[in-house]
Amino acid sequence: MVNRYPPQRILVATDFSEHSRHALAYAVEIARATKASLTLLHVGPPVPDITFPIPEATAIQASVWTETLRHREEQLVRRLDEEIGALAEGVDVETVYVEGEPSSAIVHVAGSRDCDLLVMGSHGRSGLSRVLLGSVAERTARHVHCPVLILK
């Protein structure tokens, strides 16, 4: 794939941390300067399936679970909208919420939306905490098809 420059589609991954807010502000300025569109993405943890031995209980439980998940998604999308707020005035913005493993989901969204640039924050962990917790930014940068800007 040929990378377009300047970027036309910028993806910003957020975990709602201060590092992510910094990356978002940076990405908004790039989008404004290049007239690129911006996609703000949050990846939530995967939701387990419901299993229960009594079919009637499963149907009721599934209904309650589905409503709970719908409410959770609405809250997260509202939080994404708040996160971008007035910051992106004059920039074409889309907010996206998906569930899954963060680095895989970010790579998938970047590819499916044909993004030219991925911007994300990093906590900058090192030593044992990095070994134990890993780095979403590092795993993502290794697999995504477009240039990556990691800010800390």
N, C-alpha and C. Protein backbone atom coordinates (compact mmCIF):
# COMPACT_ATOMS: atom_id res chain seq x y z
N MET A 1 0.84 -1.18 0.00
CA MET A 1 0.00 0.00 0.00
C MET A 1 0.88 1.24 0.00
N VAL A 2 0.49 2.22 -0.77
CA VAL A 2 1.21 3.49 -0.84
C VAL A 2 0.62 4.43 0.21
N ASN A 3 1.49 5.01 1.02
CA ASN A 3 1.01 5.95 2.03
C ASN A 3 0.80 7.31 1.41
N ARG A 4 -0.36 7.88 1.66
CA ARG A 4 -0.68 9.21 1.15
C ARG A 4 -0.11 10.26 2.09
N TYR A 5 0.45 11.29 1.50
CA TYR A 5 0.91 12.41 2.29
C TYR A 5 0.52 13.69 1.59
N PRO A 6 -0.08 14.62 2.24
CA PRO A 6 -0.45 14.57 3.65
C PRO A 6 -1.60 13.58 3.86
N PRO A 7 -1.79 13.15 5.10
CA PRO A 7 -2.85 12.16 5.37
C PRO A 7 -4.23 12.72 5.09
N GLN A 8 -5.10 11.84 4.64
CA GLN A 8 -6.50 12.21 4.38
C GLN A 8 -7.43 11.65 5.46
N ARG A 9 -7.01 10.53 6.05
CA ARG A 9 -7.80 9.87 7.11
C ARG A 9 -6.89 9.54 8.28
N ILE A 10 -7.18 10.14 9.43
CA ILE A 10 -6.36 9.93 10.62
C ILE A 10 -7.18 9.16 11.65
N LEU A 11 -6.59 8.11 12.19
CA LEU A 11 -7.22 7.33 13.25
C LEU A 11 -6.52 7.66 14.56
N VAL A 12 -7.30 7.96 15.60
CA VAL A 12 -6.76 8.21 16.93
C VAL A 12 -7.38 7.18 17.87
N ALA A 13 -6.53 6.39 18.50
CA ALA A 13 -7.00 5.40 19.47
C ALA A 13 -6.91 6.01 20.86
N THR A 14 -7.98 5.86 21.64
CA THR A 14 -7.98 6.44 22.98
C THR A 14 -8.37 5.41 24.03
N ASP A 15 -7.73 5.52 25.19
CA ASP A 15 -8.15 4.76 26.36
C ASP A 15 -8.63 5.72 27.44
N PHE A 16 -8.85 6.98 27.04
CA PHE A 16 -9.33 8.07 27.90
C PHE A 16 -8.28 8.52 28.92
N SER A 17 -7.04 8.14 28.73
CA SER A 17 -5.98 8.57 29.64
C SER A 17 -5.48 9.96 29.24
N GLU A 18 -4.67 10.55 30.08
CA GLU A 18 -4.07 11.85 29.77
C GLU A 18 -3.18 11.75 28.53
N HIS A 19 -2.48 10.63 28.38
CA HIS A 19 -1.63 10.42 27.20
C HIS A 19 -2.48 10.40 25.92
N SER A 20 -3.65 9.77 26.00
CA SER A 20 -4.54 9.72 24.85
C SER A 20 -5.10 11.10 24.52
N ARG A 21 -5.41 11.88 25.54
CA ARG A 21 -5.93 13.24 25.29
C ARG A 21 -4.87 14.09 24.59
N HIS A 22 -3.63 13.93 25.01
CA HIS A 22 -2.53 14.66 24.37
C HIS A 22 -2.42 14.24 22.90
N ALA A 23 -2.48 12.93 22.63
CA ALA A 23 -2.41 12.43 21.26
C ALA A 23 -3.58 12.94 20.43
N LEU A 24 -4.77 12.99 21.03
CA LEU A 24 -5.95 13.48 20.33
C LEU A 24 -5.78 14.95 19.94
N ALA A 25 -5.32 15.75 20.86
CA ALA A 25 -5.12 17.17 20.56
C ALA A 25 -4.11 17.34 19.42
N TYR A 26 -3.06 16.55 19.45
CA TYR A 26 -2.04 16.60 18.40
C TYR A 26 -2.64 16.19 17.05
N ALA A 27 -3.42 15.11 17.06
CA ALA A 27 -4.04 14.61 15.83
C ALA A 27 -5.03 15.62 15.26
N VAL A 28 -5.77 16.31 16.12
CA VAL A 28 -6.72 17.32 15.66
C VAL A 28 -5.98 18.43 14.92
N GLU A 29 -4.85 18.84 15.45
CA GLU A 29 -4.07 19.89 14.78
C GLU A 29 -3.55 19.42 13.42
N ILE A 30 -3.11 18.17 13.35
CA ILE A 30 -2.67 17.61 12.06
C ILE A 30 -3.84 17.58 11.08
N ALA A 31 -5.00 17.10 11.56
CA ALA A 31 -6.19 17.03 10.71
C ALA A 31 -6.60 18.41 10.22
N ARG A 32 -6.56 19.37 11.11
CA ARG A 32 -6.94 20.74 10.74
C ARG A 32 -5.97 21.29 9.68
N ALA A 33 -4.67 21.06 9.88
CA ALA A 33 -3.66 21.59 8.96
C ALA A 33 -3.71 20.92 7.60
N THR A 34 -4.07 19.64 7.57
CA THR A 34 -4.06 18.89 6.31
C THR A 34 -5.45 18.69 5.73
N LYS A 35 -6.48 19.18 6.46
CA LYS A 35 -7.88 19.00 6.05
C LYS A 35 -8.27 17.52 5.97
N ALA A 36 -7.66 16.72 6.84
CA ALA A 36 -7.95 15.29 6.91
C ALA A 36 -9.18 15.04 7.79
N SER A 37 -9.84 13.92 7.57
CA SER A 37 -10.91 13.50 8.47
C SER A 37 -10.26 12.75 9.63
N LEU A 38 -10.97 12.67 10.75
CA LEU A 38 -10.42 12.05 11.94
C LEU A 38 -11.41 11.04 12.49
N THR A 39 -10.92 9.86 12.84
CA THR A 39 -11.74 8.85 13.48
C THR A 39 -11.18 8.63 14.88
N LEU A 40 -12.03 8.82 15.89
CA LEU A 40 -11.64 8.61 17.28
C LEU A 40 -12.18 7.25 17.70
N LEU A 41 -11.28 6.36 18.12
CA LEU A 41 -11.62 4.97 18.41
C LEU A 41 -11.34 4.62 19.86
N HIS A 42 -12.29 3.93 20.48
CA HIS A 42 -12.06 3.32 21.79
C HIS A 42 -12.37 1.83 21.66
N VAL A 43 -11.48 1.01 22.18
CA VAL A 43 -11.66 -0.44 22.15
C VAL A 43 -11.97 -0.91 23.56
N GLY A 44 -13.15 -1.47 23.73
CA GLY A 44 -13.55 -2.02 25.03
C GLY A 44 -13.24 -3.49 25.11
N PRO A 45 -13.21 -4.04 26.32
CA PRO A 45 -12.92 -5.46 26.48
C PRO A 45 -14.01 -6.32 25.85
N PRO A 46 -13.64 -7.49 25.33
CA PRO A 46 -14.65 -8.37 24.74
C PRO A 46 -15.65 -8.81 25.80
N VAL A 47 -16.88 -8.97 25.40
CA VAL A 47 -17.95 -9.37 26.32
C VAL A 47 -18.19 -10.86 26.17
N PRO A 48 -18.17 -11.59 27.30
CA PRO A 48 -18.39 -13.05 27.23
C PRO A 48 -19.83 -13.39 26.86
N ASP A 49 -20.01 -14.56 26.24
CA ASP A 49 -21.35 -15.05 25.94
C ASP A 49 -22.05 -15.45 27.23
N ILE A 50 -23.36 -15.44 27.17
CA ILE A 50 -24.15 -15.85 28.32
C ILE A 50 -24.50 -17.33 28.16
N THR A 51 -24.27 -18.09 29.20
CA THR A 51 -24.70 -19.49 29.21
C THR A 51 -25.38 -19.76 30.54
N PHE A 52 -26.48 -20.45 30.47
CA PHE A 52 -27.23 -20.79 31.67
C PHE A 52 -27.98 -22.08 31.36
N PRO A 53 -28.07 -23.00 32.31
CA PRO A 53 -28.65 -24.31 32.01
C PRO A 53 -30.14 -24.33 31.69
N ILE A 54 -30.92 -23.34 32.12
CA ILE A 54 -32.36 -23.34 31.89
C ILE A 54 -32.67 -22.37 30.74
N PRO A 55 -33.22 -22.87 29.61
CA PRO A 55 -33.45 -22.02 28.44
C PRO A 55 -34.29 -20.78 28.72
N GLU A 56 -35.34 -20.91 29.55
CA GLU A 56 -36.19 -19.76 29.85
C GLU A 56 -35.38 -18.68 30.56
N ALA A 57 -34.56 -19.09 31.51
CA ALA A 57 -33.73 -18.13 32.24
C ALA A 57 -32.72 -17.49 31.29
N THR A 58 -32.20 -18.27 30.35
CA THR A 58 -31.22 -17.74 29.41
C THR A 58 -31.83 -16.64 28.56
N ALA A 59 -33.06 -16.83 28.11
CA ALA A 59 -33.71 -15.82 27.28
C ALA A 59 -33.91 -14.52 28.07
N ILE A 60 -34.34 -14.63 29.31
CA ILE A 60 -34.53 -13.43 30.15
C ILE A 60 -33.18 -12.80 30.43
N GLN A 61 -32.22 -13.63 30.81
CA GLN A 61 -30.89 -13.13 31.13
C GLN A 61 -30.25 -12.47 29.90
N ALA A 62 -30.43 -13.08 28.73
CA ALA A 62 -29.87 -12.52 27.50
C ALA A 62 -30.48 -11.15 27.21
N SER A 63 -31.77 -11.01 27.46
CA SER A 63 -32.44 -9.74 27.23
C SER A 63 -31.87 -8.65 28.14
N VAL A 64 -31.70 -8.99 29.41
CA VAL A 64 -31.14 -8.03 30.37
C VAL A 64 -29.70 -7.72 30.00
N TRP A 65 -28.93 -8.74 29.63
CA TRP A 65 -27.52 -8.57 29.26
C TRP A 65 -27.40 -7.69 28.01
N THR A 66 -28.25 -7.93 27.03
CA THR A 66 -28.23 -7.14 25.80
C THR A 66 -28.52 -5.67 26.10
N GLU A 67 -29.50 -5.42 26.96
CA GLU A 67 -29.83 -4.05 27.33
C GLU A 67 -28.68 -3.40 28.09
N THR A 68 -28.04 -4.14 28.97
CA THR A 68 -26.89 -3.62 29.72
C THR A 68 -25.75 -3.26 28.77
N LEU A 69 -25.47 -4.12 27.82
CA LEU A 69 -24.40 -3.85 26.85
C LEU A 69 -24.73 -2.66 25.96
N ARG A 70 -25.99 -2.54 25.56
CA ARG A 70 -26.41 -1.40 24.75
C ARG A 70 -26.20 -0.11 25.52
N HIS A 71 -26.57 -0.12 26.80
CA HIS A 71 -26.40 1.06 27.65
C HIS A 71 -24.91 1.38 27.82
N ARG A 72 -24.09 0.36 28.01
CA ARG A 72 -22.64 0.55 28.15
C ARG A 72 -22.05 1.19 26.89
N GLU A 73 -22.46 0.68 25.74
CA GLU A 73 -21.96 1.22 24.47
C GLU A 73 -22.39 2.67 24.30
N GLU A 74 -23.64 2.99 24.62
CA GLU A 74 -24.13 4.36 24.52
C GLU A 74 -23.30 5.29 25.40
N GLN A 75 -22.98 4.85 26.62
CA GLN A 75 -22.18 5.67 27.53
C GLN A 75 -20.78 5.89 26.98
N LEU A 76 -20.17 4.86 26.41
CA LEU A 76 -18.82 5.01 25.87
C LEU A 76 -18.80 5.89 24.62
N VAL A 77 -19.80 5.77 23.78
CA VAL A 77 -19.88 6.64 22.61
C VAL A 77 -20.09 8.08 23.05
N ARG A 78 -20.92 8.29 24.06
CA ARG A 78 -21.13 9.64 24.61
C ARG A 78 -19.81 10.18 25.18
N ARG A 79 -19.05 9.32 25.83
CA ARG A 79 -17.75 9.74 26.37
C ARG A 79 -16.77 10.11 25.25
N LEU A 80 -16.80 9.34 24.16
CA LEU A 80 -15.97 9.68 23.00
C LEU A 80 -16.36 11.05 22.45
N ASP A 81 -17.66 11.28 22.33
CA ASP A 81 -18.14 12.58 21.84
C ASP A 81 -17.70 13.71 22.77
N GLU A 82 -17.75 13.47 24.08
CA GLU A 82 -17.29 14.47 25.04
C GLU A 82 -15.79 14.69 24.91
N GLU A 83 -15.06 13.61 24.69
CA GLU A 83 -13.61 13.68 24.57
C GLU A 83 -13.20 14.58 23.39
N ILE A 84 -13.91 14.45 22.29
CA ILE A 84 -13.57 15.25 21.12
C ILE A 84 -14.13 16.66 21.27
N GLY A 85 -15.34 16.77 21.83
CA GLY A 85 -15.96 18.05 22.14
C GLY A 85 -15.66 19.17 21.16
N ALA A 86 -15.43 20.35 21.70
CA ALA A 86 -15.14 21.53 20.90
C ALA A 86 -13.72 21.51 20.36
N LEU A 87 -12.92 20.56 20.84
CA LEU A 87 -11.52 20.46 20.41
C LEU A 87 -11.39 20.35 18.90
N ALA A 88 -12.32 19.65 18.27
CA ALA A 88 -12.22 19.36 16.84
C ALA A 88 -13.12 20.24 15.98
N GLU A 89 -13.42 21.41 16.44
CA GLU A 89 -14.26 22.30 15.66
C GLU A 89 -13.63 22.53 14.28
N GLY A 90 -14.43 22.32 13.25
CA GLY A 90 -13.95 22.50 11.88
C GLY A 90 -13.28 21.28 11.29
N VAL A 91 -13.25 20.17 12.04
CA VAL A 91 -12.65 18.93 11.55
C VAL A 91 -13.75 17.89 11.41
N ASP A 92 -13.72 17.13 10.31
CA ASP A 92 -14.68 16.05 10.08
C ASP A 92 -14.31 14.89 11.00
N VAL A 93 -15.19 14.59 11.99
CA VAL A 93 -14.87 13.60 13.02
C VAL A 93 -15.93 12.51 13.06
N GLU A 94 -15.45 11.28 13.23
CA GLU A 94 -16.31 10.12 13.44
C GLU A 94 -15.83 9.45 14.73
N THR A 95 -16.75 9.04 15.59
CA THR A 95 -16.37 8.29 16.79
C THR A 95 -16.79 6.84 16.60
N VAL A 96 -15.91 5.93 17.03
CA VAL A 96 -16.15 4.50 16.85
C VAL A 96 -15.82 3.78 18.15
N TYR A 97 -16.72 2.88 18.54
CA TYR A 97 -16.48 2.01 19.69
C TYR A 97 -16.56 0.57 19.20
N VAL A 98 -15.55 -0.23 19.51
CA VAL A 98 -15.57 -1.64 19.20
C VAL A 98 -15.09 -2.42 20.41
N GLU A 99 -15.39 -3.70 20.43
CA GLU A 99 -14.92 -4.56 21.51
C GLU A 99 -13.87 -5.51 20.95
N GLY A 100 -12.90 -5.84 21.78
CA GLY A 100 -11.88 -6.79 21.37
C GLY A 100 -10.55 -6.52 22.03
N GLU A 101 -9.54 -7.22 21.56
CA GLU A 101 -8.17 -7.01 22.04
C GLU A 101 -7.70 -5.71 21.40
N PRO A 102 -7.20 -4.75 22.19
CA PRO A 102 -6.92 -3.41 21.66
C PRO A 102 -6.06 -3.35 20.41
N SER A 103 -4.87 -3.94 20.41
CA SER A 103 -4.00 -3.78 19.24
C SER A 103 -4.61 -4.39 17.99
N SER A 104 -5.22 -5.55 18.11
CA SER A 104 -5.85 -6.18 16.94
C SER A 104 -7.01 -5.34 16.41
N ALA A 105 -7.81 -4.82 17.33
CA ALA A 105 -8.96 -4.02 16.92
C ALA A 105 -8.51 -2.72 16.25
N ILE A 106 -7.47 -2.09 16.78
CA ILE A 106 -6.97 -0.85 16.18
C ILE A 106 -6.46 -1.12 14.77
N VAL A 107 -5.70 -2.20 14.61
CA VAL A 107 -5.17 -2.57 13.28
C VAL A 107 -6.34 -2.82 12.32
N HIS A 108 -7.36 -3.52 12.78
CA HIS A 108 -8.52 -3.82 11.93
C HIS A 108 -9.24 -2.54 11.51
N VAL A 109 -9.50 -1.65 12.46
CA VAL A 109 -10.21 -0.41 12.13
C VAL A 109 -9.37 0.46 11.18
N ALA A 110 -8.07 0.53 11.42
CA ALA A 110 -7.20 1.33 10.53
C ALA A 110 -7.26 0.79 9.10
N GLY A 111 -7.26 -0.53 8.95
CA GLY A 111 -7.33 -1.13 7.62
C GLY A 111 -8.69 -0.99 6.98
N SER A 112 -9.74 -1.22 7.75
CA SER A 112 -11.10 -1.18 7.18
C SER A 112 -11.51 0.24 6.79
N ARG A 113 -10.93 1.24 7.43
CA ARG A 113 -11.25 2.63 7.10
C ARG A 113 -10.18 3.29 6.24
N ASP A 114 -9.22 2.49 5.78
CA ASP A 114 -8.15 2.96 4.88
C ASP A 114 -7.46 4.21 5.43
N CYS A 115 -7.06 4.14 6.70
CA CYS A 115 -6.42 5.29 7.35
C CYS A 115 -5.00 5.49 6.85
N ASP A 116 -4.61 6.75 6.78
CA ASP A 116 -3.26 7.13 6.32
C ASP A 116 -2.30 7.33 7.47
N LEU A 117 -2.83 7.55 8.67
CA LEU A 117 -2.00 7.83 9.83
C LEU A 117 -2.73 7.37 11.08
N LEU A 118 -2.01 6.71 11.97
CA LEU A 118 -2.53 6.32 13.28
C LEU A 118 -1.79 7.14 14.32
N VAL A 119 -2.55 7.80 15.18
CA VAL A 119 -1.96 8.58 16.27
C VAL A 119 -2.46 7.98 17.58
N MET A 120 -1.51 7.70 18.48
CA MET A 120 -1.92 7.16 19.77
C MET A 120 -0.94 7.57 20.85
N GLY A 121 -1.44 7.61 22.06
CA GLY A 121 -0.60 7.93 23.20
C GLY A 121 0.01 6.66 23.75
N SER A 122 1.08 6.84 24.50
CA SER A 122 1.73 5.71 25.16
C SER A 122 2.03 6.12 26.59
N HIS A 123 1.89 5.18 27.50
CA HIS A 123 2.19 5.46 28.90
C HIS A 123 3.69 5.49 29.15
N GLY A 124 4.47 4.99 28.19
CA GLY A 124 5.92 5.03 28.32
C GLY A 124 6.45 4.13 29.41
N ARG A 125 5.78 3.01 29.64
CA ARG A 125 6.26 2.08 30.67
C ARG A 125 7.59 1.47 30.26
N SER A 126 8.36 1.10 31.25
CA SER A 126 9.61 0.40 30.98
C SER A 126 9.82 -0.64 32.07
N GLY A 127 10.82 -1.44 31.88
CA GLY A 127 11.16 -2.44 32.89
C GLY A 127 10.10 -3.50 33.06
N LEU A 128 9.92 -3.92 34.30
CA LEU A 128 9.02 -5.02 34.61
C LEU A 128 7.57 -4.72 34.26
N SER A 129 7.11 -3.48 34.50
CA SER A 129 5.71 -3.16 34.18
C SER A 129 5.45 -3.31 32.69
N ARG A 130 6.43 -2.98 31.85
CA ARG A 130 6.25 -3.13 30.40
C ARG A 130 6.22 -4.61 30.02
N VAL A 131 7.08 -5.40 30.66
CA VAL A 131 7.11 -6.83 30.40
C VAL A 131 5.78 -7.48 30.81
N LEU A 132 5.28 -7.11 31.98
CA LEU A 132 4.05 -7.71 32.48
C LEU A 132 2.80 -7.19 31.77
N LEU A 133 2.75 -5.90 31.51
CA LEU A 133 1.56 -5.29 30.91
C LEU A 133 1.62 -5.22 29.40
N GLY A 134 2.83 -5.24 28.84
CA GLY A 134 2.97 -5.13 27.39
C GLY A 134 2.74 -3.71 26.94
N SER A 135 2.83 -3.51 25.66
CA SER A 135 2.61 -2.18 25.11
C SER A 135 1.67 -2.29 23.93
N VAL A 136 0.47 -1.77 24.10
CA VAL A 136 -0.51 -1.77 23.01
C VAL A 136 0.06 -0.98 21.84
N ALA A 137 0.70 0.15 22.12
CA ALA A 137 1.26 0.97 21.05
C ALA A 137 2.30 0.19 20.25
N GLU A 138 3.17 -0.51 20.94
CA GLU A 138 4.22 -1.27 20.24
C GLU A 138 3.63 -2.41 19.40
N ARG A 139 2.70 -3.18 19.99
CA ARG A 139 2.08 -4.28 19.24
C ARG A 139 1.32 -3.75 18.02
N THR A 140 0.64 -2.64 18.19
CA THR A 140 -0.14 -2.06 17.10
C THR A 140 0.80 -1.58 15.99
N ALA A 141 1.85 -0.85 16.37
CA ALA A 141 2.78 -0.31 15.37
C ALA A 141 3.43 -1.41 14.55
N ARG A 142 3.62 -2.57 15.15
CA ARG A 142 4.24 -3.69 14.43
C ARG A 142 3.34 -4.25 13.33
N HIS A 143 2.03 -4.10 13.49
CA HIS A 143 1.11 -4.79 12.58
C HIS A 143 0.25 -3.89 11.69
N VAL A 144 0.16 -2.62 11.99
CA VAL A 144 -0.72 -1.74 11.22
C VAL A 144 -0.06 -1.38 9.88
N HIS A 145 -0.88 -1.12 8.87
CA HIS A 145 -0.40 -0.88 7.51
C HIS A 145 0.04 0.57 7.25
N CYS A 146 -0.30 1.49 8.15
CA CYS A 146 -0.03 2.91 7.89
C CYS A 146 1.02 3.44 8.87
N PRO A 147 1.54 4.63 8.62
CA PRO A 147 2.47 5.23 9.56
C PRO A 147 1.81 5.45 10.93
N VAL A 148 2.62 5.37 11.98
CA VAL A 148 2.12 5.50 13.34
C VAL A 148 2.87 6.61 14.06
N LEU A 149 2.14 7.48 14.72
CA LEU A 149 2.74 8.52 15.54
C LEU A 149 2.36 8.22 16.98
N ILE A 150 3.37 7.89 17.80
CA ILE A 150 3.13 7.55 19.20
C ILE A 150 3.65 8.70 20.04
N LEU A 151 2.77 9.24 20.88
CA LEU A 151 3.12 10.38 21.73
C LEU A 151 3.06 9.99 23.18
N LYS A 152 3.97 10.54 23.98
CA LYS A 152 3.86 10.32 25.42
C LYS A 152 4.10 11.61 26.16
